[in-house]
Amino acid sequence: MKRLGLATMLILTACYGFQLDPSLKPLPPQFVYVHAPAQRVWDALVATLADRRLEIGNINRDSWFVTTQGVRMPSDASDYVDCGRESLVPGWNGFAAEAYDAMHGGGVWLKYTVRLQPAGDSTGVLVQTSSEAEDVPKVGDYQHCVSNGKLEASIVEAITTAVRTPQP
């Protein structure tokens, strides 16, 4: 009976893959300072999220805080997040981000949380992401993913560019 249980577990592992934790460790929260007043940075942040068609989940201007709704990442998700690796899947030894998308019909979902911190004539910008890969055959089963920092940096870069652009 034990052999049957072990054989069943090995077959299921081979069919669905074996997930490992991401090799990246989460980046420590760190404010990046933009030389502009908080209201100007806030306006640039909201415009940046709108330009990227990111739907606002929660917004509070009094506390300089914004979150976005989850959005499905494009198929190149592993350029931005590490969801671990899948192995024991015949013919596949790719990053789990693509494996979830290609093999399981799921995908990687991303949410942003952004906080501003006024600091005299500058404003601190803290961009954090949370992402997880969805495994459709196992409804409700998610694999935590870790950002490599490119997504956060691109938001800060867009805000910095916007505040440097002369206002009409």
N, C-alpha and C. Protein backbone atom coordinates (compact mmCIF):
# COMPACT_ATOMS: atom_id res chain seq x y z
N MET A 1 0.82 -1.19 0.00
CA MET A 1 0.00 0.00 0.00
C MET A 1 0.87 1.26 0.00
N LYS A 2 1.97 1.23 0.76
CA LYS A 2 2.87 2.38 0.80
C LYS A 2 3.48 2.63 -0.57
N ARG A 3 3.80 1.55 -1.30
CA ARG A 3 4.38 1.69 -2.63
C ARG A 3 3.40 2.34 -3.60
N LEU A 4 2.13 1.99 -3.48
CA LEU A 4 1.12 2.58 -4.35
C LEU A 4 1.00 4.08 -4.08
N GLY A 5 1.03 4.47 -2.81
CA GLY A 5 0.97 5.88 -2.44
C GLY A 5 2.18 6.65 -2.96
N LEU A 6 3.36 6.06 -2.82
CA LEU A 6 4.59 6.69 -3.29
C LEU A 6 4.57 6.81 -4.81
N ALA A 7 4.14 5.77 -5.50
CA ALA A 7 4.07 5.79 -6.96
C ALA A 7 3.08 6.86 -7.42
N THR A 8 1.95 6.97 -6.77
CA THR A 8 0.95 8.00 -7.13
C THR A 8 1.54 9.39 -6.94
N MET A 9 2.25 9.62 -5.84
CA MET A 9 2.86 10.92 -5.58
C MET A 9 3.90 11.26 -6.65
N LEU A 10 4.71 10.29 -7.05
CA LEU A 10 5.72 10.54 -8.08
C LEU A 10 5.08 10.85 -9.44
N ILE A 11 4.02 10.15 -9.77
CA ILE A 11 3.32 10.41 -11.04
C ILE A 11 2.72 11.80 -11.03
N LEU A 12 2.06 12.20 -9.95
CA LEU A 12 1.48 13.54 -9.86
C LEU A 12 2.54 14.62 -9.93
N THR A 13 3.68 14.39 -9.27
CA THR A 13 4.78 15.35 -9.32
C THR A 13 5.29 15.49 -10.74
N ALA A 14 5.43 14.40 -11.47
CA ALA A 14 5.92 14.44 -12.85
C ALA A 14 4.93 15.16 -13.76
N CYS A 15 3.64 14.99 -13.51
CA CYS A 15 2.63 15.62 -14.36
C CYS A 15 2.49 17.11 -14.09
N TYR A 16 2.55 17.50 -12.85
CA TYR A 16 2.28 18.89 -12.50
C TYR A 16 3.53 19.70 -12.20
N GLY A 17 4.66 19.08 -12.10
CA GLY A 17 5.89 19.81 -11.84
C GLY A 17 6.20 19.85 -10.36
N PHE A 18 7.40 20.18 -10.07
CA PHE A 18 7.85 20.30 -8.69
C PHE A 18 8.31 21.73 -8.52
N GLN A 19 7.68 22.44 -7.60
CA GLN A 19 7.98 23.86 -7.47
C GLN A 19 9.02 24.09 -6.39
N LEU A 20 9.96 24.93 -6.72
CA LEU A 20 10.97 25.34 -5.75
C LEU A 20 10.72 26.80 -5.41
N ASP A 21 11.14 27.21 -4.25
CA ASP A 21 11.01 28.61 -3.88
C ASP A 21 11.88 29.45 -4.80
N PRO A 22 11.49 30.71 -5.00
CA PRO A 22 12.31 31.60 -5.82
C PRO A 22 13.72 31.71 -5.24
N SER A 23 14.71 31.84 -6.13
CA SER A 23 16.09 31.96 -5.68
C SER A 23 16.39 33.38 -5.21
N LEU A 24 15.63 34.36 -5.72
CA LEU A 24 15.81 35.74 -5.29
C LEU A 24 15.19 35.94 -3.91
N LYS A 25 15.77 36.81 -3.13
CA LYS A 25 15.21 37.20 -1.85
C LYS A 25 14.54 38.56 -2.05
N PRO A 26 13.43 38.81 -1.35
CA PRO A 26 12.76 40.11 -1.52
C PRO A 26 13.71 41.27 -1.25
N LEU A 27 13.56 42.32 -2.05
CA LEU A 27 14.38 43.51 -1.86
C LEU A 27 13.93 44.23 -0.59
N PRO A 28 14.86 44.76 0.18
CA PRO A 28 14.44 45.51 1.37
C PRO A 28 13.75 46.80 0.94
N PRO A 29 12.69 47.19 1.65
CA PRO A 29 12.00 48.43 1.29
C PRO A 29 12.98 49.61 1.37
N GLN A 30 12.98 50.42 0.31
CA GLN A 30 13.91 51.54 0.26
C GLN A 30 13.28 52.70 -0.51
N PHE A 31 13.23 53.87 0.12
CA PHE A 31 12.74 55.06 -0.56
C PHE A 31 13.79 55.57 -1.52
N VAL A 32 13.33 56.01 -2.70
CA VAL A 32 14.18 56.69 -3.67
C VAL A 32 13.69 58.13 -3.68
N TYR A 33 14.59 59.08 -3.55
CA TYR A 33 14.18 60.48 -3.43
C TYR A 33 14.20 61.19 -4.78
N VAL A 34 13.10 61.88 -5.03
CA VAL A 34 12.91 62.64 -6.26
C VAL A 34 12.88 64.12 -5.87
N HIS A 35 13.66 64.93 -6.56
CA HIS A 35 13.73 66.35 -6.23
C HIS A 35 12.51 67.08 -6.80
N ALA A 36 11.41 67.01 -6.04
CA ALA A 36 10.16 67.67 -6.42
C ALA A 36 9.22 67.62 -5.22
N PRO A 37 8.31 68.59 -5.11
CA PRO A 37 7.35 68.57 -4.01
C PRO A 37 6.42 67.36 -4.10
N ALA A 38 5.90 66.94 -2.96
CA ALA A 38 5.07 65.73 -2.90
C ALA A 38 3.86 65.79 -3.83
N GLN A 39 3.19 66.93 -3.93
CA GLN A 39 2.01 67.00 -4.79
C GLN A 39 2.37 66.77 -6.25
N ARG A 40 3.51 67.29 -6.69
CA ARG A 40 3.94 67.08 -8.08
C ARG A 40 4.29 65.61 -8.32
N VAL A 41 4.95 64.98 -7.34
CA VAL A 41 5.29 63.56 -7.45
C VAL A 41 4.02 62.73 -7.43
N TRP A 42 3.07 63.09 -6.58
CA TRP A 42 1.78 62.39 -6.52
C TRP A 42 1.08 62.42 -7.88
N ASP A 43 1.02 63.61 -8.48
CA ASP A 43 0.38 63.75 -9.80
C ASP A 43 1.09 62.88 -10.84
N ALA A 44 2.42 62.85 -10.79
CA ALA A 44 3.19 62.03 -11.73
C ALA A 44 2.94 60.54 -11.48
N LEU A 45 2.83 60.15 -10.22
CA LEU A 45 2.55 58.75 -9.87
C LEU A 45 1.20 58.32 -10.43
N VAL A 46 0.16 59.09 -10.18
CA VAL A 46 -1.18 58.74 -10.65
C VAL A 46 -1.19 58.68 -12.18
N ALA A 47 -0.52 59.64 -12.85
CA ALA A 47 -0.45 59.63 -14.31
C ALA A 47 0.31 58.40 -14.82
N THR A 48 1.39 58.02 -14.13
CA THR A 48 2.18 56.84 -14.53
C THR A 48 1.34 55.58 -14.45
N LEU A 49 0.60 55.42 -13.36
CA LEU A 49 -0.26 54.24 -13.22
C LEU A 49 -1.34 54.22 -14.29
N ALA A 50 -1.91 55.39 -14.59
CA ALA A 50 -2.94 55.48 -15.64
C ALA A 50 -2.34 55.16 -17.01
N ASP A 51 -1.14 55.68 -17.30
CA ASP A 51 -0.47 55.42 -18.59
C ASP A 51 -0.23 53.93 -18.79
N ARG A 52 0.02 53.22 -17.71
CA ARG A 52 0.28 51.78 -17.78
C ARG A 52 -1.00 50.95 -17.64
N ARG A 53 -2.11 51.65 -17.62
CA ARG A 53 -3.44 51.02 -17.51
C ARG A 53 -3.55 50.12 -16.27
N LEU A 54 -2.99 50.60 -15.17
CA LEU A 54 -3.07 49.88 -13.91
C LEU A 54 -4.25 50.43 -13.12
N GLU A 55 -5.18 49.57 -12.80
CA GLU A 55 -6.38 49.99 -12.09
C GLU A 55 -6.07 50.19 -10.60
N ILE A 56 -6.52 51.33 -10.09
CA ILE A 56 -6.29 51.66 -8.68
C ILE A 56 -7.16 50.78 -7.79
N GLY A 57 -6.54 50.21 -6.77
CA GLY A 57 -7.28 49.40 -5.80
C GLY A 57 -7.64 50.22 -4.58
N ASN A 58 -6.68 51.02 -4.09
CA ASN A 58 -6.87 51.85 -2.92
C ASN A 58 -6.01 53.09 -3.11
N ILE A 59 -6.57 54.24 -2.81
CA ILE A 59 -5.81 55.48 -2.97
C ILE A 59 -6.16 56.41 -1.82
N ASN A 60 -5.14 57.01 -1.21
CA ASN A 60 -5.37 57.94 -0.12
C ASN A 60 -4.31 59.03 -0.21
N ARG A 61 -4.70 60.15 -0.74
CA ARG A 61 -3.77 61.26 -0.96
C ARG A 61 -3.28 61.83 0.37
N ASP A 62 -4.12 61.81 1.41
CA ASP A 62 -3.71 62.36 2.71
C ASP A 62 -2.53 61.58 3.31
N SER A 63 -2.48 60.29 3.05
CA SER A 63 -1.35 59.49 3.56
C SER A 63 -0.35 59.15 2.45
N TRP A 64 -0.55 59.70 1.26
CA TRP A 64 0.36 59.48 0.12
C TRP A 64 0.55 57.99 -0.18
N PHE A 65 -0.56 57.29 -0.34
CA PHE A 65 -0.55 55.83 -0.46
C PHE A 65 -1.44 55.39 -1.62
N VAL A 66 -0.94 54.48 -2.46
CA VAL A 66 -1.71 53.93 -3.58
C VAL A 66 -1.41 52.44 -3.71
N THR A 67 -2.46 51.65 -3.97
CA THR A 67 -2.27 50.26 -4.37
C THR A 67 -3.00 50.05 -5.68
N THR A 68 -2.56 49.07 -6.44
CA THR A 68 -3.25 48.74 -7.69
C THR A 68 -3.97 47.41 -7.54
N GLN A 69 -4.93 47.19 -8.42
CA GLN A 69 -5.57 45.89 -8.54
C GLN A 69 -4.56 44.95 -9.19
N GLY A 70 -4.78 43.66 -9.04
CA GLY A 70 -3.91 42.70 -9.69
C GLY A 70 -4.05 42.76 -11.20
N VAL A 71 -2.94 42.62 -11.89
CA VAL A 71 -2.93 42.61 -13.35
C VAL A 71 -2.08 41.42 -13.79
N ARG A 72 -2.53 40.75 -14.83
CA ARG A 72 -1.77 39.60 -15.36
C ARG A 72 -0.57 40.11 -16.14
N MET A 73 0.59 39.58 -15.82
CA MET A 73 1.82 40.00 -16.48
C MET A 73 1.92 39.37 -17.86
N PRO A 74 2.67 40.02 -18.77
CA PRO A 74 2.88 39.42 -20.09
C PRO A 74 3.71 38.15 -19.98
N SER A 75 3.87 37.46 -21.08
CA SER A 75 4.55 36.16 -21.09
C SER A 75 6.03 36.24 -20.75
N ASP A 76 6.60 37.43 -20.74
CA ASP A 76 8.02 37.56 -20.39
C ASP A 76 8.20 37.85 -18.89
N ALA A 77 7.30 37.33 -18.07
CA ALA A 77 7.30 37.62 -16.63
C ALA A 77 8.62 37.31 -15.96
N SER A 78 9.33 36.28 -16.40
CA SER A 78 10.58 35.92 -15.71
C SER A 78 11.69 36.96 -15.92
N ASP A 79 11.47 37.93 -16.82
CA ASP A 79 12.40 39.04 -16.93
C ASP A 79 12.29 39.97 -15.72
N TYR A 80 11.18 39.85 -14.99
CA TYR A 80 10.88 40.77 -13.90
C TYR A 80 10.70 40.09 -12.54
N VAL A 81 10.25 38.85 -12.54
CA VAL A 81 10.00 38.15 -11.27
C VAL A 81 10.56 36.73 -11.33
N ASP A 82 10.89 36.23 -10.15
CA ASP A 82 11.37 34.86 -10.00
C ASP A 82 10.30 34.10 -9.22
N CYS A 83 9.72 33.10 -9.85
CA CYS A 83 8.69 32.28 -9.21
C CYS A 83 9.22 30.90 -8.88
N GLY A 84 10.53 30.74 -8.87
CA GLY A 84 11.12 29.42 -8.67
C GLY A 84 11.28 28.75 -10.02
N ARG A 85 11.64 27.50 -9.99
CA ARG A 85 11.80 26.75 -11.23
C ARG A 85 10.96 25.50 -11.16
N GLU A 86 10.50 25.06 -12.29
CA GLU A 86 9.79 23.79 -12.36
C GLU A 86 10.73 22.76 -12.94
N SER A 87 10.69 21.58 -12.37
CA SER A 87 11.50 20.49 -12.90
C SER A 87 10.66 19.22 -12.88
N LEU A 88 11.21 18.15 -13.34
CA LEU A 88 10.52 16.87 -13.46
C LEU A 88 9.35 16.92 -14.43
N VAL A 89 9.28 17.96 -15.24
CA VAL A 89 8.25 18.05 -16.27
C VAL A 89 8.94 17.72 -17.59
N PRO A 90 8.52 16.66 -18.27
CA PRO A 90 9.21 16.26 -19.50
C PRO A 90 9.34 17.41 -20.50
N GLY A 91 10.56 17.67 -20.92
CA GLY A 91 10.80 18.68 -21.94
C GLY A 91 10.76 20.10 -21.44
N TRP A 92 10.63 20.31 -20.13
CA TRP A 92 10.55 21.69 -19.63
C TRP A 92 11.45 21.85 -18.43
N ASN A 93 12.33 22.80 -18.52
CA ASN A 93 13.16 23.14 -17.37
C ASN A 93 13.29 24.65 -17.31
N GLY A 94 12.19 25.34 -17.61
CA GLY A 94 12.21 26.81 -17.64
C GLY A 94 11.81 27.42 -16.33
N PHE A 95 11.78 28.74 -16.32
CA PHE A 95 11.35 29.45 -15.14
C PHE A 95 9.87 29.19 -14.92
N ALA A 96 9.48 29.09 -13.68
CA ALA A 96 8.10 28.78 -13.34
C ALA A 96 7.13 29.83 -13.88
N ALA A 97 7.57 31.08 -14.02
CA ALA A 97 6.68 32.11 -14.54
C ALA A 97 6.14 31.71 -15.91
N GLU A 98 7.03 31.27 -16.80
CA GLU A 98 6.59 30.82 -18.12
C GLU A 98 5.86 29.49 -18.05
N ALA A 99 6.29 28.63 -17.12
CA ALA A 99 5.64 27.33 -16.99
C ALA A 99 4.19 27.50 -16.57
N TYR A 100 3.93 28.38 -15.64
CA TYR A 100 2.55 28.61 -15.23
C TYR A 100 1.72 29.12 -16.39
N ASP A 101 2.33 29.98 -17.20
CA ASP A 101 1.62 30.56 -18.32
C ASP A 101 1.41 29.54 -19.43
N ALA A 102 2.48 28.85 -19.83
CA ALA A 102 2.42 27.97 -20.98
C ALA A 102 1.79 26.61 -20.69
N MET A 103 2.10 26.04 -19.56
CA MET A 103 1.68 24.67 -19.30
C MET A 103 0.39 24.56 -18.50
N HIS A 104 0.19 25.49 -17.58
CA HIS A 104 -0.95 25.37 -16.69
C HIS A 104 -2.10 26.29 -17.07
N GLY A 105 -1.90 27.19 -18.01
CA GLY A 105 -2.96 28.11 -18.41
C GLY A 105 -3.20 29.20 -17.39
N GLY A 106 -2.34 29.30 -16.41
CA GLY A 106 -2.49 30.33 -15.38
C GLY A 106 -1.77 31.58 -15.81
N GLY A 107 -0.96 32.09 -14.97
CA GLY A 107 -0.20 33.28 -15.29
C GLY A 107 0.34 33.89 -14.02
N VAL A 108 1.11 34.95 -14.18
CA VAL A 108 1.68 35.64 -13.04
C VAL A 108 0.89 36.94 -12.85
N TRP A 109 0.44 37.15 -11.63
CA TRP A 109 -0.37 38.32 -11.28
C TRP A 109 0.47 39.27 -10.45
N LEU A 110 0.33 40.56 -10.70
CA LEU A 110 1.16 41.58 -10.09
C LEU A 110 0.29 42.68 -9.49
N LYS A 111 0.69 43.16 -8.30
CA LYS A 111 0.07 44.33 -7.67
C LYS A 111 1.19 45.26 -7.21
N TYR A 112 0.92 46.56 -7.30
CA TYR A 112 1.86 47.56 -6.81
C TYR A 112 1.32 48.21 -5.54
N THR A 113 2.23 48.56 -4.65
CA THR A 113 1.93 49.41 -3.51
C THR A 113 2.97 50.52 -3.53
N VAL A 114 2.50 51.78 -3.53
CA VAL A 114 3.41 52.92 -3.61
C VAL A 114 3.10 53.88 -2.46
N ARG A 115 4.15 54.28 -1.76
CA ARG A 115 4.03 55.29 -0.70
C ARG A 115 4.98 56.43 -1.01
N LEU A 116 4.52 57.64 -0.74
CA LEU A 116 5.36 58.82 -0.86
C LEU A 116 5.67 59.34 0.54
N GLN A 117 6.83 59.99 0.66
CA GLN A 117 7.24 60.55 1.94
C GLN A 117 7.84 61.94 1.68
N PRO A 118 7.04 63.00 1.95
CA PRO A 118 7.58 64.35 1.76
C PRO A 118 8.81 64.56 2.63
N ALA A 119 9.84 65.21 2.05
CA ALA A 119 11.09 65.46 2.77
C ALA A 119 11.66 66.80 2.31
N GLY A 120 11.09 67.89 2.80
CA GLY A 120 11.55 69.21 2.39
C GLY A 120 11.20 69.47 0.93
N ASP A 121 12.22 69.79 0.12
CA ASP A 121 11.97 70.06 -1.30
C ASP A 121 12.06 68.80 -2.16
N SER A 122 12.18 67.64 -1.52
CA SER A 122 12.20 66.35 -2.23
C SER A 122 11.09 65.46 -1.69
N THR A 123 10.88 64.35 -2.37
CA THR A 123 9.86 63.39 -1.96
C THR A 123 10.41 61.98 -2.12
N GLY A 124 10.30 61.21 -1.05
CA GLY A 124 10.69 59.80 -1.11
C GLY A 124 9.60 58.99 -1.79
N VAL A 125 10.00 58.08 -2.65
CA VAL A 125 9.06 57.20 -3.35
C VAL A 125 9.45 55.76 -3.02
N LEU A 126 8.51 55.03 -2.46
CA LEU A 126 8.72 53.61 -2.15
C LEU A 126 7.75 52.80 -2.98
N VAL A 127 8.28 52.02 -3.92
CA VAL A 127 7.45 51.17 -4.78
C VAL A 127 7.73 49.72 -4.38
N GLN A 128 6.66 49.01 -4.05
CA GLN A 128 6.79 47.59 -3.73
C GLN A 128 5.82 46.81 -4.62
N THR A 129 6.21 45.61 -4.95
CA THR A 129 5.33 44.75 -5.75
C THR A 129 5.05 43.48 -4.98
N SER A 130 3.90 42.90 -5.28
CA SER A 130 3.62 41.54 -4.82
C SER A 130 3.16 40.79 -6.05
N SER A 131 3.68 39.59 -6.22
CA SER A 131 3.31 38.82 -7.40
C SER A 131 3.22 37.35 -7.03
N GLU A 132 2.35 36.69 -7.76
CA GLU A 132 2.19 35.25 -7.55
C GLU A 132 1.74 34.61 -8.85
N ALA A 133 2.19 33.38 -9.03
CA ALA A 133 1.83 32.61 -10.22
C ALA A 133 0.63 31.74 -9.87
N GLU A 134 -0.35 31.75 -10.75
CA GLU A 134 -1.58 30.99 -10.53
C GLU A 134 -1.49 29.67 -11.28
N ASP A 135 -1.86 28.61 -10.62
CA ASP A 135 -1.86 27.28 -11.21
C ASP A 135 -3.31 26.88 -11.45
N VAL A 136 -3.79 27.04 -12.69
CA VAL A 136 -5.20 26.81 -13.00
C VAL A 136 -5.69 25.39 -12.71
N PRO A 137 -4.93 24.32 -13.06
CA PRO A 137 -5.46 22.99 -12.75
C PRO A 137 -5.69 22.78 -11.25
N LYS A 138 -4.92 23.47 -10.44
CA LYS A 138 -5.08 23.38 -8.99
C LYS A 138 -5.72 24.68 -8.53
N VAL A 139 -7.01 24.81 -8.76
CA VAL A 139 -7.73 26.06 -8.50
C VAL A 139 -7.40 26.60 -7.11
N GLY A 140 -7.03 27.87 -7.08
CA GLY A 140 -6.70 28.52 -5.82
C GLY A 140 -5.28 28.28 -5.35
N ASP A 141 -4.48 27.57 -6.14
CA ASP A 141 -3.10 27.29 -5.77
C ASP A 141 -2.19 28.36 -6.39
N TYR A 142 -1.44 29.05 -5.55
CA TYR A 142 -0.57 30.12 -6.01
C TYR A 142 0.86 29.88 -5.54
N GLN A 143 1.80 30.27 -6.37
CA GLN A 143 3.22 30.21 -6.03
C GLN A 143 3.70 31.65 -5.85
N HIS A 144 4.26 31.96 -4.70
CA HIS A 144 4.78 33.30 -4.44
C HIS A 144 5.97 33.58 -5.37
N CYS A 145 6.02 34.79 -5.92
CA CYS A 145 7.12 35.20 -6.79
C CYS A 145 7.84 36.39 -6.14
N VAL A 146 9.09 36.61 -6.53
CA VAL A 146 9.89 37.70 -5.98
C VAL A 146 10.37 38.57 -7.14
N SER A 147 10.21 39.87 -6.99
CA SER A 147 10.64 40.82 -8.02
C SER A 147 12.16 40.96 -8.02
N ASN A 148 12.71 41.22 -9.22
CA ASN A 148 14.14 41.49 -9.32
C ASN A 148 14.44 42.99 -9.25
N GLY A 149 13.41 43.81 -9.07
CA GLY A 149 13.58 45.25 -8.91
C GLY A 149 13.35 46.07 -10.15
N LYS A 150 13.28 45.45 -11.32
CA LYS A 150 13.10 46.21 -12.57
C LYS A 150 11.74 46.90 -12.64
N LEU A 151 10.69 46.24 -12.16
CA LEU A 151 9.36 46.84 -12.20
C LEU A 151 9.29 48.08 -11.33
N GLU A 152 9.82 47.98 -10.11
CA GLU A 152 9.81 49.11 -9.20
C GLU A 152 10.62 50.28 -9.77
N ALA A 153 11.80 49.95 -10.30
CA ALA A 153 12.67 50.98 -10.87
C ALA A 153 12.00 51.69 -12.04
N SER A 154 11.23 50.96 -12.84
CA SER A 154 10.58 51.59 -14.00
C SER A 154 9.50 52.58 -13.57
N ILE A 155 8.82 52.32 -12.46
CA ILE A 155 7.82 53.27 -11.95
C ILE A 155 8.53 54.53 -11.45
N VAL A 156 9.61 54.36 -10.68
CA VAL A 156 10.35 55.53 -10.18
C VAL A 156 10.93 56.33 -11.33
N GLU A 157 11.45 55.65 -12.35
CA GLU A 157 12.01 56.35 -13.52
C GLU A 157 10.94 57.16 -14.25
N ALA A 158 9.74 56.58 -14.41
CA ALA A 158 8.66 57.31 -15.07
C ALA A 158 8.23 58.53 -14.26
N ILE A 159 8.17 58.41 -12.94
CA ILE A 159 7.82 59.54 -12.08
C ILE A 159 8.89 60.63 -12.19
N THR A 160 10.15 60.22 -12.12
CA THR A 160 11.25 61.19 -12.20
C THR A 160 11.23 61.93 -13.53
N THR A 161 11.00 61.22 -14.61
CA THR A 161 10.93 61.85 -15.93
C THR A 161 9.76 62.84 -15.99
N ALA A 162 8.62 62.44 -15.44
CA ALA A 162 7.43 63.30 -15.47
C ALA A 162 7.63 64.58 -14.68
N VAL A 163 8.29 64.50 -13.52
CA VAL A 163 8.46 65.74 -12.73
C VAL A 163 9.53 66.64 -13.32
N ARG A 164 10.40 66.11 -14.14
CA ARG A 164 11.42 66.93 -14.81
C ARG A 164 10.86 67.64 -16.05
N THR A 165 9.77 67.09 -16.59
CA THR A 165 9.15 67.66 -17.78
C THR A 165 8.45 68.97 -17.39
N PRO A 166 8.74 70.06 -18.10
CA PRO A 166 8.09 71.34 -17.77
C PRO A 166 6.56 71.22 -17.86
N GLN A 167 5.90 71.84 -16.88
CA GLN A 167 4.43 71.82 -16.87
C GLN A 167 3.92 72.92 -17.80
N PRO A 168 2.77 72.66 -18.46
CA PRO A 168 2.23 73.67 -19.39
C PRO A 168 1.71 74.90 -18.66
